[in-house]
PDB file of N, CA and C in Angstrom:
ATOM      1  N   THR A   1       0.836  -1.181   0.000  1.00  0.00           N
ATOM      2  CA  THR A   1       0.000   0.000   0.000  1.00  0.00           C
ATOM      3  C   THR A   1       0.877   1.239   0.000  1.00  0.00           C
ATOM      4  N   GLY A   2       0.313   2.310  -0.355  1.00  0.00           N
ATOM      5  CA  GLY A   2       1.071   3.553  -0.374  1.00  0.00           C
ATOM      6  C   GLY A   2       0.957   4.239  -1.714  1.00  0.00           C
ATOM      7  N   LYS A   3       1.713   5.292  -1.851  1.00  0.00           N
ATOM      8  CA  LYS A   3       1.679   6.094  -3.073  1.00  0.00           C
ATOM      9  C   LYS A   3       2.302   5.342  -4.242  1.00  0.00           C
ATOM     10  N   ASN A   4       1.914   5.752  -5.433  1.00  0.00           N
ATOM     11  CA  ASN A   4       2.424   5.188  -6.671  1.00  0.00           C
ATOM     12  C   ASN A   4       3.904   5.548  -6.822  1.00  0.00           C
ATOM     13  N   LEU A   5       4.749   4.521  -7.019  1.00  0.00           N
ATOM     14  CA  LEU A   5       6.177   4.762  -7.206  1.00  0.00           C
ATOM     15  C   LEU A   5       6.616   4.531  -8.644  1.00  0.00           C
ATOM     16  N   GLU A   6       5.672   4.565  -9.578  1.00  0.00           N
ATOM     17  CA  GLU A   6       6.037   4.410 -10.979  1.00  0.00           C
ATOM     18  C   GLU A   6       6.683   5.702 -11.467  1.00  0.00           C
ATOM     19  N   PRO A   7       7.579   5.600 -12.463  1.00  0.00           N
ATOM     20  CA  PRO A   7       8.327   6.773 -12.924  1.00  0.00           C
ATOM     21  C   PRO A   7       7.464   7.978 -13.309  1.00  0.00           C
ATOM     22  N   ASP A   8       6.293   7.751 -13.895  1.00  0.00           N
ATOM     23  CA  ASP A   8       5.434   8.885 -14.259  1.00  0.00           C
ATOM     24  C   ASP A   8       5.093   9.734 -13.037  1.00  0.00           C
ATOM     25  N   ALA A   9       4.871   9.084 -11.911  1.00  0.00           N
ATOM     26  CA  ALA A   9       4.517   9.805 -10.686  1.00  0.00           C
ATOM     27  C   ALA A   9       5.751  10.370  -9.993  1.00  0.00           C
ATOM     28  N   THR A  10       6.827   9.592  -9.937  1.00  0.00           N
ATOM     29  CA  THR A  10       8.007  10.054  -9.201  1.00  0.00           C
ATOM     30  C   THR A  10       8.731  11.184  -9.920  1.00  0.00           C
ATOM     31  N   LYS A  11       8.720  11.175 -11.251  1.00  0.00           N
ATOM     32  CA  LYS A  11       9.382  12.253 -12.001  1.00  0.00           C
ATOM     33  C   LYS A  11       8.698  13.598 -11.750  1.00  0.00           C
ATOM     34  N   LYS A  12       7.381  13.569 -11.551  1.00  0.00           N
ATOM     35  CA  LYS A  12       6.642  14.810 -11.280  1.00  0.00           C
ATOM     36  C   LYS A  12       7.079  15.432  -9.949  1.00  0.00           C
ATOM     37  N   LEU A  13       7.448  14.572  -8.988  1.00  0.00           N
ATOM     38  CA  LEU A  13       7.880  15.080  -7.686  1.00  0.00           C
ATOM     39  C   LEU A  13       9.271  15.710  -7.760  1.00  0.00           C
ATOM     40  N   GLY A  14      10.123  15.162  -8.595  1.00  0.00           N
ATOM     41  CA  GLY A  14      11.474  15.697  -8.741  1.00  0.00           C
ATOM     42  C   GLY A  14      12.454  15.107  -7.742  1.00  0.00           C
ATOM     43  N   GLN A  15      13.725  15.217  -8.074  1.00  0.00           N
ATOM     44  CA  GLN A  15      14.800  14.624  -7.283  1.00  0.00           C
ATOM     45  C   GLN A  15      14.836  15.145  -5.847  1.00  0.00           C
ATOM     46  N   ALA A  16      14.798  16.461  -5.680  1.00  0.00           N
ATOM     47  CA  ALA A  16      14.915  17.044  -4.337  1.00  0.00           C
ATOM     48  C   ALA A  16      13.757  16.624  -3.437  1.00  0.00           C
ATOM     49  N   ARG A  17      12.544  16.639  -3.972  1.00  0.00           N
ATOM     50  CA  ARG A  17      11.364  16.252  -3.172  1.00  0.00           C
ATOM     51  C   ARG A  17      11.424  14.774  -2.806  1.00  0.00           C
ATOM     52  N   LEU A  18      11.843  13.932  -3.732  1.00  0.00           N
ATOM     53  CA  LEU A  18      11.951  12.504  -3.438  1.00  0.00           C
ATOM     54  C   LEU A  18      12.999  12.243  -2.355  1.00  0.00           C
ATOM     55  N   GLU A  19      14.117  12.934  -2.441  1.00  0.00           N
ATOM     56  CA  GLU A  19      15.151  12.773  -1.414  1.00  0.00           C
ATOM     57  C   GLU A  19      14.617  13.175  -0.044  1.00  0.00           C
ATOM     58  N   LYS A  20      13.832  14.244   0.000  1.00  0.00           N
ATOM     59  CA  LYS A  20      13.254  14.705   1.264  1.00  0.00           C
ATOM     60  C   LYS A  20      12.251  13.681   1.805  1.00  0.00           C
ATOM     61  N   ILE A  21      11.429  13.129   0.923  1.00  0.00           N
ATOM     62  CA  ILE A  21      10.452  12.113   1.337  1.00  0.00           C
ATOM     63  C   ILE A  21      11.167  10.886   1.878  1.00  0.00           C
ATOM     64  N   LEU A  22      12.203  10.428   1.174  1.00  0.00           N
ATOM     65  CA  LEU A  22      12.942   9.249   1.619  1.00  0.00           C
ATOM     66  C   LEU A  22      13.661   9.505   2.945  1.00  0.00           C
ATOM     67  N   ALA A  23      14.194  10.693   3.111  1.00  0.00           N
ATOM     68  CA  ALA A  23      14.931  11.013   4.332  1.00  0.00           C
ATOM     69  C   ALA A  23      14.013  11.192   5.535  1.00  0.00           C
ATOM     70  N   PHE A  24      12.912  11.926   5.357  1.00  0.00           N
ATOM     71  CA  PHE A  24      12.078  12.311   6.495  1.00  0.00           C
ATOM     72  C   PHE A  24      10.728  11.610   6.577  1.00  0.00           C
ATOM     73  N   GLY A  25      10.381  10.802   5.581  1.00  0.00           N
ATOM     74  CA  GLY A  25       9.103  10.110   5.593  1.00  0.00           C
ATOM     75  C   GLY A  25       7.955  11.029   5.204  1.00  0.00           C
ATOM     76  N   THR A  26       6.734  10.544   5.425  1.00  0.00           N
ATOM     77  CA  THR A  26       5.542  11.337   5.116  1.00  0.00           C
ATOM     78  C   THR A  26       4.566  11.283   6.280  1.00  0.00           C
ATOM     79  N   GLU A  27       3.666  12.247   6.309  1.00  0.00           N
ATOM     80  CA  GLU A  27       2.626  12.259   7.341  1.00  0.00           C
ATOM     81  C   GLU A  27       1.675  11.091   7.165  1.00  0.00           C
ATOM     82  N   GLY A  28       1.595  10.557   5.936  1.00  0.00           N
ATOM     83  CA  GLY A  28       0.698   9.447   5.654  1.00  0.00           C
ATOM     84  C   GLY A  28       1.174   8.110   6.195  1.00  0.00           C
ATOM     85  N   GLY A  29       2.377   8.074   6.742  1.00  0.00           N
ATOM     86  CA  GLY A  29       2.822   6.846   7.379  1.00  0.00           C
ATOM     87  C   GLY A  29       4.116   6.252   6.859  1.00  0.00           C
ATOM     88  N   MET A  30       4.676   6.791   5.766  1.00  0.00           N
ATOM     89  CA  MET A  30       5.948   6.241   5.307  1.00  0.00           C
ATOM     90  C   MET A  30       7.037   6.633   6.299  1.00  0.00           C
ATOM     91  N   PRO A  31       7.826   5.668   6.766  1.00  0.00           N
ATOM     92  CA  PRO A  31       8.859   5.988   7.748  1.00  0.00           C
ATOM     93  C   PRO A  31      10.017   6.759   7.119  1.00  0.00           C
ATOM     94  N   ASN A  32      10.787   7.395   7.975  1.00  0.00           N
ATOM     95  CA  ASN A  32      11.978   8.091   7.487  1.00  0.00           C
ATOM     96  C   ASN A  32      13.143   7.097   7.403  1.00  0.00           C
ATOM     97  N   PHE A  33      14.044   7.362   6.484  1.00  0.00           N
ATOM     98  CA  PHE A  33      15.185   6.474   6.285  1.00  0.00           C
ATOM     99  C   PHE A  33      16.519   7.183   6.500  1.00  0.00           C
ATOM    100  N   GLU A  34      16.501   8.424   7.002  1.00  0.00           N
ATOM    101  CA  GLU A  34      17.751   9.160   7.164  1.00  0.00           C
ATOM    102  C   GLU A  34      18.678   8.532   8.199  1.00  0.00           C
ATOM    103  N   ASP A  35      18.122   7.773   9.140  1.00  0.00           N
ATOM    104  CA  ASP A  35      18.964   7.126  10.142  1.00  0.00           C
ATOM    105  C   ASP A  35      19.404   5.724   9.713  1.00  0.00           C
ATOM    106  N   ILE A  36      18.906   5.260   8.554  1.00  0.00           N
ATOM    107  CA  ILE A  36      19.252   3.929   8.045  1.00  0.00           C
ATOM    108  C   ILE A  36      20.146   4.036   6.813  1.00  0.00           C
ATOM    109  N   LEU A  37      19.816   4.973   5.933  1.00  0.00           N
ATOM    110  CA  LEU A  37      20.554   5.140   4.679  1.00  0.00           C
ATOM    111  C   LEU A  37      21.417   6.399   4.730  1.00  0.00           C
ATOM    112  N   SER A  38      22.557   6.342   4.053  1.00  0.00           N
ATOM    113  CA  SER A  38      23.409   7.530   3.946  1.00  0.00           C
ATOM    114  C   SER A  38      22.779   8.513   2.957  1.00  0.00           C
ATOM    115  N   LYS A  39      23.288   9.745   2.933  1.00  0.00           N
ATOM    116  CA  LYS A  39      22.768  10.741   1.992  1.00  0.00           C
ATOM    117  C   LYS A  39      22.977  10.282   0.552  1.00  0.00           C
ATOM    118  N   ASP A  40      24.118   9.645   0.291  1.00  0.00           N
ATOM    119  CA  ASP A  40      24.375   9.139  -1.065  1.00  0.00           C
ATOM    120  C   ASP A  40      23.407   8.016  -1.436  1.00  0.00           C
ATOM    121  N   GLU A  41      23.085   7.142  -0.472  1.00  0.00           N
ATOM    122  CA  GLU A  41      22.135   6.058  -0.741  1.00  0.00           C
ATOM    123  C   GLU A  41      20.732   6.611  -0.999  1.00  0.00           C
ATOM    124  N   ILE A  42      20.339   7.612  -0.235  1.00  0.00           N
ATOM    125  CA  ILE A  42      19.033   8.248  -0.448  1.00  0.00           C
ATOM    126  C   ILE A  42      18.985   8.902  -1.824  1.00  0.00           C
ATOM    127  N   LYS A  43      20.057   9.580  -2.198  1.00  0.00           N
ATOM    128  CA  LYS A  43      20.126  10.218  -3.513  1.00  0.00           C
ATOM    129  C   LYS A  43      20.033   9.168  -4.618  1.00  0.00           C
ATOM    130  N   SER A  44      20.764   8.064  -4.464  1.00  0.00           N
ATOM    131  CA  SER A  44      20.727   6.989  -5.466  1.00  0.00           C
ATOM    132  C   SER A  44      19.340   6.370  -5.566  1.00  0.00           C
ATOM    133  N   LEU A  45      18.691   6.151  -4.422  1.00  0.00           N
ATOM    134  CA  LEU A  45      17.354   5.566  -4.424  1.00  0.00           C
ATOM    135  C   LEU A  45      16.345   6.506  -5.077  1.00  0.00           C
ATOM    136  N   ALA A  46      16.449   7.793  -4.801  1.00  0.00           N
ATOM    137  CA  ALA A  46      15.554   8.776  -5.427  1.00  0.00           C
ATOM    138  C   ALA A  46      15.738   8.778  -6.938  1.00  0.00           C
ATOM    139  N   THR A  47      16.971   8.663  -7.382  1.00  0.00           N
ATOM    140  CA  THR A  47      17.249   8.595  -8.824  1.00  0.00           C
ATOM    141  C   THR A  47      16.677   7.310  -9.410  1.00  0.00           C
ATOM    142  N   TYR A  48      16.890   6.207  -8.700  1.00  0.00           N
ATOM    143  CA  TYR A  48      16.463   4.892  -9.189  1.00  0.00           C
ATOM    144  C   TYR A  48      14.950   4.813  -9.381  1.00  0.00           C
ATOM    145  N   ILE A  49      14.171   5.331  -8.434  1.00  0.00           N
ATOM    146  CA  ILE A  49      12.714   5.189  -8.555  1.00  0.00           C
ATOM    147  C   ILE A  49      12.115   6.111  -9.611  1.00  0.00           C
ATOM    148  N   GLN A  50      12.941   6.934 -10.229  1.00  0.00           N
ATOM    149  CA  GLN A  50      12.475   7.750 -11.352  1.00  0.00           C
ATOM    150  C   GLN A  50      12.793   7.105 -12.699  1.00  0.00           C
ATOM    151  N   MET A  51      13.534   6.006 -12.671  1.00  0.00           N
ATOM    152  CA  MET A  51      13.947   5.345 -13.911  1.00  0.00           C
ATOM    153  C   MET A  51      12.865   4.390 -14.402  1.00  0.00           C
ATOM    154  N   THR A  52      12.688   4.330 -15.704  1.00  0.00           N
ATOM    155  CA  THR A  52      11.743   3.386 -16.295  1.00  0.00           C
ATOM    156  C   THR A  52      12.369   1.996 -16.251  1.00  0.00           C
ATOM    157  N   PRO A  53      11.681   1.024 -15.665  1.00  0.00           N
ATOM    158  CA  PRO A  53      12.260  -0.323 -15.574  1.00  0.00           C
ATOM    159  C   PRO A  53      12.328  -0.998 -16.939  1.00  0.00           C
ATOM    160  N   ASP A  54      13.249  -1.945 -17.047  1.00  0.00           N
ATOM    161  CA  ASP A  54      13.339  -2.747 -18.263  1.00  0.00           C
ATOM    162  C   ASP A  54      12.083  -3.592 -18.404  1.00  0.00           C
ATOM    163  N   SER A  55      11.765  -3.950 -19.630  1.00  0.00           N
ATOM    164  CA  SER A  55      10.637  -4.855 -19.867  1.00  0.00           C
ATOM    165  C   SER A  55      11.021  -6.242 -19.370  1.00  0.00           C
ATOM    166  N   PRO A  56      10.103  -6.920 -18.703  1.00  0.00           N
ATOM    167  CA  PRO A  56      10.429  -8.269 -18.232  1.00  0.00           C
ATOM    168  C   PRO A  56      10.601  -9.213 -19.416  1.00  0.00           C
ATOM    169  N   PRO A  57      11.408 -10.258 -19.245  1.00  0.00           N
ATOM    170  CA  PRO A  57      11.579 -11.205 -20.344  1.00  0.00           C
ATOM    171  C   PRO A  57      10.267 -11.933 -20.635  1.00  0.00           C
ATOM    172  N   GLU A  58      10.085 -12.311 -21.878  1.00  0.00           N
ATOM    173  CA  GLU A  58       8.878 -13.045 -22.277  1.00  0.00           C
ATOM    174  C   GLU A  58       8.869 -14.404 -21.587  1.00  0.00           C
ATOM    175  N   TRP A  59       7.748 -14.761 -21.038  1.00  0.00           N
ATOM    176  CA  TRP A  59       7.568 -16.061 -20.391  1.00  0.00           C
ATOM    177  C   TRP A  59       6.282 -16.628 -20.969  1.00  0.00           C
ATOM    178  N   GLY A  60       6.424 -17.231 -22.131  1.00  0.00           N
ATOM    179  CA  GLY A  60       5.270 -17.728 -22.857  1.00  0.00           C
ATOM    180  C   GLY A  60       4.925 -19.162 -22.507  1.00  0.00           C
ATOM    181  N   MET A  61       3.969 -19.712 -23.243  1.00  0.00           N
ATOM    182  CA  MET A  61       3.488 -21.067 -22.993  1.00  0.00           C
ATOM    183  C   MET A  61       4.611 -22.096 -23.127  1.00  0.00           C
ATOM    184  N   THR A  62       5.495 -21.918 -24.096  1.00  0.00           N
ATOM    185  CA  THR A  62       6.600 -22.870 -24.282  1.00  0.00           C
ATOM    186  C   THR A  62       7.488 -22.908 -23.046  1.00  0.00           C
ATOM    187  N   GLU A  63       7.859 -21.741 -22.528  1.00  0.00           N
ATOM    188  CA  GLU A  63       8.705 -21.687 -21.332  1.00  0.00           C
ATOM    189  C   GLU A  63       7.984 -22.275 -20.120  1.00  0.00           C
ATOM    190  N   MET A  64       6.683 -21.998 -20.017  1.00  0.00           N
ATOM    191  CA  MET A  64       5.916 -22.555 -18.898  1.00  0.00           C
ATOM    192  C   MET A  64       5.887 -24.078 -18.958  1.00  0.00           C
ATOM    193  N   LYS A  65       5.607 -24.616 -20.140  1.00  0.00           N
ATOM    194  CA  LYS A  65       5.547 -26.073 -20.276  1.00  0.00           C
ATOM    195  C   LYS A  65       6.908 -26.713 -20.021  1.00  0.00           C
ATOM    196  N   ASN A  66       7.980 -26.055 -20.437  1.00  0.00           N
ATOM    197  CA  ASN A  66       9.321 -26.594 -20.204  1.00  0.00           C
ATOM    198  C   ASN A  66       9.705 -26.584 -18.729  1.00  0.00           C
ATOM    199  N   SER A  67       9.093 -25.704 -17.931  1.00  0.00           N
ATOM    200  CA  SER A  67       9.409 -25.635 -16.505  1.00  0.00           C
ATOM    201  C   SER A  67       8.472 -26.498 -15.651  1.00  0.00           C
ATOM    202  N   TRP A  68       7.498 -27.095 -16.272  1.00  0.00           N
ATOM    203  CA  TRP A  68       6.471 -27.868 -15.579  1.00  0.00           C
ATOM    204  C   TRP A  68       7.062 -29.142 -14.993  1.00  0.00           C
ATOM    205  N   LYS A  69       6.809 -29.372 -13.705  1.00  0.00           N
ATOM    206  CA  LYS A  69       7.254 -30.596 -13.037  1.00  0.00           C
ATOM    207  C   LYS A  69       6.010 -31.339 -12.567  1.00  0.00           C
ATOM    208  N   VAL A  70       5.797 -32.515 -13.086  1.00  0.00           N
ATOM    209  CA  VAL A  70       4.628 -33.310 -12.728  1.00  0.00           C
ATOM    210  C   VAL A  70       4.981 -34.145 -11.501  1.00  0.00           C
ATOM    211  N   ALA A  71       4.309 -33.884 -10.373  1.00  0.00           N
ATOM    212  CA  ALA A  71       4.579 -34.612  -9.137  1.00  0.00           C
ATOM    213  C   ALA A  71       3.960 -36.005  -9.179  1.00  0.00           C
ATOM    214  N   ILE A  72       2.733 -36.089  -9.674  1.00  0.00           N
ATOM    215  CA  ILE A  72       2.039 -37.381  -9.774  1.00  0.00           C
ATOM    216  C   ILE A  72       1.515 -37.504 -11.194  1.00  0.00           C
ATOM    217  N   PRO A  73       2.039 -38.467 -11.949  1.00  0.00           N
ATOM    218  CA  PRO A  73       1.581 -38.631 -13.331  1.00  0.00           C
ATOM    219  C   PRO A  73       0.083 -38.937 -13.373  1.00  0.00           C
ATOM    220  N   PRO A  74      -0.612 -38.515 -14.427  1.00  0.00           N
ATOM    221  CA  PRO A  74      -2.060 -38.723 -14.519  1.00  0.00           C
ATOM    222  C   PRO A  74      -2.495 -40.173 -14.303  1.00  0.00           C
ATOM    223  N   GLU A  75      -1.731 -41.123 -14.791  1.00  0.00           N
ATOM    224  CA  GLU A  75      -2.134 -42.531 -14.641  1.00  0.00           C
ATOM    225  C   GLU A  75      -2.064 -43.023 -13.196  1.00  0.00           C
ATOM    226  N   LYS A  76      -1.378 -42.302 -12.309  1.00  0.00           N
ATOM    227  CA  LYS A  76      -1.286 -42.713 -10.902  1.00  0.00           C
ATOM    228  C   LYS A  76      -2.221 -41.907  -9.996  1.00  0.00           C
ATOM    229  N   ARG A  77      -2.987 -41.001 -10.570  1.00  0.00           N
ATOM    230  CA  ARG A  77      -3.899 -40.174  -9.787  1.00  0.00           C
ATOM    231  C   ARG A  77      -5.186 -40.938  -9.487  1.00  0.00           C
ATOM    232  N   PRO A  78      -5.858 -40.606  -8.363  1.00  0.00           N
ATOM    233  CA  PRO A  78      -7.123 -41.278  -8.035  1.00  0.00           C
ATOM    234  C   PRO A  78      -8.163 -41.053  -9.132  1.00  0.00           C
ATOM    235  N   THR A  79      -8.982 -42.047  -9.341  1.00  0.00           N
ATOM    236  CA  THR A  79     -10.035 -41.937 -10.358  1.00  0.00           C
ATOM    237  C   THR A  79     -11.398 -41.687  -9.729  1.00  0.00           C
ATOM    238  N   LYS A  80     -11.487 -41.756  -8.384  1.00  0.00           N
ATOM    239  CA  LYS A  80     -12.740 -41.461  -7.694  1.00  0.00           C
ATOM    240  C   LYS A  80     -12.439 -40.585  -6.479  1.00  0.00           C
ATOM    241  N   LYS A  81     -13.458 -39.921  -5.975  1.00  0.00           N
ATOM    242  CA  LYS A  81     -13.313 -39.032  -4.826  1.00  0.00           C
ATOM    243  C   LYS A  81     -12.852 -39.833  -3.614  1.00  0.00           C
ATOM    244  N   MET A  82     -11.827 -39.304  -2.904  1.00  0.00           N
ATOM    245  CA  MET A  82     -11.216 -40.033  -1.794  1.00  0.00           C
ATOM    246  C   MET A  82     -11.512 -39.407  -0.426  1.00  0.00           C
ATOM    247  N   ASN A  83     -12.469 -38.445  -0.362  1.00  0.00           N
ATOM    248  CA  ASN A  83     -12.762 -37.784   0.909  1.00  0.00           C
ATOM    249  C   ASN A  83     -14.231 -37.367   0.947  1.00  0.00           C
ATOM    250  N   ASN A  84     -14.615 -36.721   2.045  1.00  0.00           N
ATOM    251  CA  ASN A  84     -15.993 -36.258   2.213  1.00  0.00           C
ATOM    252  C   ASN A  84     -16.112 -34.739   2.093  1.00  0.00           C
ATOM    253  N   VAL A  85     -15.126 -34.095   1.500  1.00  0.00           N
ATOM    254  CA  VAL A  85     -15.135 -32.642   1.368  1.00  0.00           C
ATOM    255  C   VAL A  85     -16.172 -32.224   0.328  1.00  0.00           C
ATOM    256  N   ASN A  86     -16.985 -31.224   0.690  1.00  0.00           N
ATOM    257  CA  ASN A  86     -17.954 -30.668  -0.241  1.00  0.00           C
ATOM    258  C   ASN A  86     -17.220 -29.673  -1.136  1.00  0.00           C
ATOM    259  N   LEU A  87     -16.837 -30.095  -2.323  1.00  0.00           N
ATOM    260  CA  LEU A  87     -16.040 -29.258  -3.213  1.00  0.00           C
ATOM    261  C   LEU A  87     -16.793 -28.025  -3.706  1.00  0.00           C
ATOM    262  N   ASP A  88     -18.125 -28.034  -3.603  1.00  0.00           N
ATOM    263  CA  ASP A  88     -18.901 -26.853  -3.970  1.00  0.00           C
ATOM    264  C   ASP A  88     -18.793 -25.766  -2.902  1.00  0.00           C
ATOM    265  N   ASN A  89     -18.280 -26.136  -1.720  1.00  0.00           N
ATOM    266  CA  ASN A  89     -18.162 -25.195  -0.620  1.00  0.00           C
ATOM    267  C   ASN A  89     -16.700 -25.074  -0.165  1.00  0.00           C
ATOM    268  N   ALA A  90     -15.769 -25.333  -1.047  1.00  0.00           N
ATOM    269  CA  ALA A  90     -14.348 -25.260  -0.704  1.00  0.00           C
ATOM    270  C   ALA A  90     -13.796 -23.888  -1.085  1.00  0.00           C
ATOM    271  N   PHE A  91     -12.831 -23.435  -0.311  1.00  0.00           N
ATOM    272  CA  PHE A  91     -12.180 -22.151  -0.567  1.00  0.00           C
ATOM    273  C   PHE A  91     -10.677 -22.392  -0.564  1.00  0.00           C
ATOM    274  N   LEU A  92      -9.997 -21.943  -1.583  1.00  0.00           N
ATOM    275  CA  LEU A  92      -8.570 -22.173  -1.716  1.00  0.00           C
ATOM    276  C   LEU A  92      -7.827 -20.842  -1.689  1.00  0.00           C
ATOM    277  N   VAL A  93      -6.721 -20.803  -0.959  1.00  0.00           N
ATOM    278  CA  VAL A  93      -5.888 -19.605  -0.886  1.00  0.00           C
ATOM    279  C   VAL A  93      -4.475 -19.977  -1.295  1.00  0.00           C
ATOM    280  N   THR A  94      -3.906 -19.206  -2.201  1.00  0.00           N
ATOM    281  CA  THR A  94      -2.517 -19.416  -2.594  1.00  0.00           C
ATOM    282  C   THR A  94      -1.636 -18.532  -1.723  1.00  0.00           C
ATOM    283  N   LEU A  95      -0.753 -19.164  -0.959  1.00  0.00           N
ATOM    284  CA  LEU A  95       0.190 -18.441  -0.111  1.00  0.00           C
ATOM    285  C   LEU A  95       1.479 -18.288  -0.913  1.00  0.00           C
ATOM    286  N   ARG A  96       1.473 -17.308  -1.795  1.00  0.00           N
ATOM    287  CA  ARG A  96       2.533 -17.163  -2.788  1.00  0.00           C
ATOM    288  C   ARG A  96       3.921 -17.071  -2.162  1.00  0.00           C
ATOM    289  N   ASP A  97       4.091 -16.217  -1.164  1.00  0.00           N
ATOM    290  CA  ASP A  97       5.416 -16.023  -0.583  1.00  0.00           C
ATOM    291  C   ASP A  97       5.915 -17.265   0.143  1.00  0.00           C
ATOM    292  N   ALA A  98       5.004 -18.042   0.711  1.00  0.00           N
ATOM    293  CA  ALA A  98       5.386 -19.269   1.407  1.00  0.00           C
ATOM    294  C   ALA A  98       5.482 -20.449   0.454  1.00  0.00           C
ATOM    295  N   GLY A  99       4.982 -20.290  -0.761  1.00  0.00           N
ATOM    296  CA  GLY A  99       5.007 -21.382  -1.730  1.00  0.00           C
ATOM    297  C   GLY A  99       4.065 -22.503  -1.349  1.00  0.00           C
ATOM    298  N   GLU A 100       2.930 -22.156  -0.752  1.00  0.00           N
ATOM    299  CA  GLU A 100       1.974 -23.158  -0.293  1.00  0.00           C
ATOM    300  C   GLU A 100       0.568 -22.818  -0.773  1.00  0.00           C
ATOM    301  N   VAL A 101      -0.302 -23.810  -0.680  1.00  0.00           N
ATOM    302  CA  VAL A 101      -1.714 -23.627  -0.994  1.00  0.00           C
ATOM    303  C   VAL A 101      -2.503 -24.092   0.222  1.00  0.00           C
ATOM    304  N   ALA A 102      -3.482 -23.307   0.646  1.00  0.00           N
ATOM    305  CA  ALA A 102      -4.322 -23.672   1.787  1.00  0.00           C
ATOM    306  C   ALA A 102      -5.737 -23.914   1.299  1.00  0.00           C
ATOM    307  N   LEU A 103      -6.356 -24.974   1.771  1.00  0.00           N
ATOM    308  CA  LEU A 103      -7.722 -25.321   1.388  1.00  0.00           C
ATOM    309  C   LEU A 103      -8.624 -25.186   2.593  1.00  0.00           C
TER     310      LEU A 103
END
């Protein structure tokens, strides 16, 4: 959460204003970093967040299929329901950072 840090927005603020925001924080809740980062690091970070990022590499269907790891081949998977879970009332959450799925 927080303000937009895309280059279109950060360039409008300008280098000096960004350095001040990074050093002293904002009333909206962003902490100050002047006691953590040096003046040169703050200046570099202010410059960096104004730069347009490179385009990410293409990750198409071919690359996805080549990275696919089948844990249980289809022929070894159950062919009938093995539990009493009401699948019409199931809720699944992907815990992306933990690399887990919760049901």
